[in-house]
Amino acid sequence: MKTGEQLKNRALQLLNYTDRNGRLDSQMYADVTARMLPLVNQIYSDVWYGLYDDGFEELGALTDTLHLPERVMNEVMPYGVAMLIAQTIGDADNQSLMTALYNRKRAILTHKRRRKDVMPDAV
């Protein structure tokens, strides 16, 4: 995945918001799709600051490219976006599941940062 649109589609598939053939049901969830940009930007921001200290720029449109490592876009972000979609719709079961999965997946963002040695030299 590289764009917000692809991320949105993956999140909807994870939630099983599809028709009987497994394709996205765009008519049934058109209202959520119309409000998707802020949801994607919220998770994008959350994940960005898990990796970097500054420099975040929101997507202007869902067709814009996400600037994150591939693994993060594929393994972490869809669950966060799915969590917010389910919350927006009021789907408590899916929200609970996606929250647990997102928090577990987000743990891969934790990494050790180097610490500067500030101890004075021994005399």
Protein backbone atom coordinates (compact mmCIF):
# COMPACT_ATOMS: atom_id res chain seq x y z
CA MET A 1 0.00 0.00 0.00
CA LYS A 2 1.18 3.46 -0.80
CA THR A 3 -1.84 5.76 -0.74
CA GLY A 4 -4.58 6.68 1.69
CA GLU A 5 -7.12 5.19 -0.72
CA GLN A 6 -5.43 1.80 -0.62
CA LEU A 7 -5.21 2.00 3.15
CA LYS A 8 -8.93 2.83 3.40
CA ASN A 9 -9.86 -0.11 1.17
CA ARG A 10 -7.73 -2.52 3.21
CA ALA A 11 -9.29 -1.31 6.45
CA LEU A 12 -12.81 -1.80 5.07
CA GLN A 13 -11.87 -5.32 3.98
CA LEU A 14 -10.49 -6.12 7.44
CA LEU A 15 -13.82 -5.05 8.90
CA ASN A 16 -15.61 -7.29 6.41
CA TYR A 17 -17.62 -4.35 5.08
CA THR A 18 -17.97 -6.07 1.73
CA ASP A 19 -20.72 -7.47 -0.44
CA ARG A 20 -21.40 -11.20 -0.68
CA ASN A 21 -18.62 -11.57 -3.27
CA GLY A 22 -15.98 -10.02 -1.02
CA ARG A 23 -15.86 -6.70 -2.87
CA LEU A 24 -16.10 -3.42 -1.02
CA ASP A 25 -19.68 -2.25 -0.62
CA SER A 26 -19.17 1.42 -1.46
CA GLN A 27 -22.90 2.25 -1.37
CA MET A 28 -23.50 0.86 2.09
CA TYR A 29 -20.59 2.78 3.63
CA ALA A 30 -20.59 5.88 1.40
CA ASP A 31 -21.06 8.23 4.36
CA VAL A 32 -17.98 6.82 6.12
CA THR A 33 -15.96 6.88 2.91
CA ALA A 34 -16.75 10.57 2.53
CA ARG A 35 -15.27 11.24 5.99
CA MET A 36 -12.26 8.97 5.58
CA LEU A 37 -9.48 11.55 5.13
CA PRO A 38 -9.46 12.74 8.78
CA LEU A 39 -9.49 9.13 10.00
CA VAL A 40 -6.52 8.19 7.83
CA ASN A 41 -4.67 11.36 8.85
CA GLN A 42 -5.26 10.61 12.54
CA ILE A 43 -3.63 7.18 12.30
CA TYR A 44 -0.94 8.51 9.94
CA SER A 45 -0.05 11.11 12.59
CA ASP A 46 -0.07 8.56 15.41
CA VAL A 47 2.22 6.19 13.53
CA TRP A 48 4.46 9.00 12.22
CA TYR A 49 5.22 10.27 15.72
CA GLY A 50 5.88 6.71 16.84
CA LEU A 51 8.76 6.68 14.37
CA TYR A 52 9.89 10.31 14.03
CA ASP A 53 10.07 13.36 16.25
CA ASP A 54 8.82 15.95 13.77
CA GLY A 55 8.15 16.69 10.11
CA PHE A 56 4.61 15.29 9.84
CA GLU A 57 2.46 16.56 6.98
CA GLU A 58 -1.16 15.45 6.64
CA LEU A 59 -2.49 13.97 3.44
CA GLY A 60 -4.39 16.52 1.37
CA ALA A 61 -6.34 13.78 -0.39
CA LEU A 62 -6.64 10.02 -0.11
CA THR A 63 -4.80 9.66 -3.40
CA ASP A 64 -1.65 11.18 -1.85
CA THR A 65 1.28 8.92 -1.04
CA LEU A 66 2.04 7.94 2.55
CA HIS A 67 5.67 8.45 3.50
CA LEU A 68 6.25 5.60 5.93
CA PRO A 69 8.16 2.34 5.82
CA GLU A 70 6.36 -0.37 3.86
CA ARG A 71 6.06 -2.70 6.83
CA VAL A 72 4.33 -0.02 8.91
CA MET A 73 1.86 0.78 6.14
CA ASN A 74 0.98 -2.87 5.60
CA GLU A 75 1.07 -4.25 9.14
CA VAL A 76 0.05 -1.41 11.44
CA MET A 77 -1.95 1.33 9.77
CA PRO A 78 -4.88 -0.72 8.37
CA TYR A 79 -5.83 -1.85 11.87
CA GLY A 80 -5.79 1.71 13.23
CA VAL A 81 -7.91 3.03 10.39
CA ALA A 82 -10.29 0.06 10.75
CA MET A 83 -10.57 0.81 14.48
CA LEU A 84 -11.62 4.42 13.79
CA ILE A 85 -14.05 3.38 11.03
CA ALA A 86 -15.75 0.90 13.36
CA GLN A 87 -15.94 3.55 16.07
CA THR A 88 -17.51 6.02 13.64
CA ILE A 89 -20.15 3.51 12.60
CA GLY A 90 -20.82 2.33 16.15
CA ASP A 91 -19.65 -1.22 15.49
CA ALA A 92 -18.44 -2.06 19.01
CA ASP A 93 -17.37 -5.64 18.30
CA ASN A 94 -15.15 -4.71 15.37
CA GLN A 95 -13.86 -1.65 17.19
CA SER A 96 -12.78 -3.73 20.16
CA LEU A 97 -11.05 -6.30 17.97
CA MET A 98 -9.30 -3.71 15.79
CA THR A 99 -8.19 -1.72 18.85
CA ALA A 100 -6.53 -4.79 20.33
CA LEU A 101 -4.87 -5.67 17.02
CA TYR A 102 -3.75 -2.09 16.36
CA ASN A 103 -2.16 -1.77 19.79
CA ARG A 104 -0.38 -5.10 19.36
CA LYS A 105 0.84 -4.22 15.87
CA ARG A 106 1.83 -0.71 16.92
CA ALA A 107 4.27 -2.25 19.38
CA ILE A 108 6.60 -2.92 16.43
CA LEU A 109 7.15 0.83 16.29
CA THR A 110 8.97 0.80 19.58
CA HIS A 111 12.64 0.94 19.07
CA LYS A 112 15.63 1.85 21.10
CA ARG A 113 16.97 5.31 20.57
CA ARG A 114 20.58 6.02 21.14
CA ARG A 115 21.40 7.94 24.24
CA LYS A 116 24.16 10.43 24.31
CA ASP A 117 26.84 9.73 26.88
CA VAL A 118 26.87 12.74 29.16
CA MET A 119 28.81 11.31 32.06
CA PRO A 120 31.85 13.38 32.95
CA ASP A 121 35.23 11.78 32.46
CA ALA A 122 36.78 10.25 35.52
CA VAL A 123 39.59 12.26 37.05
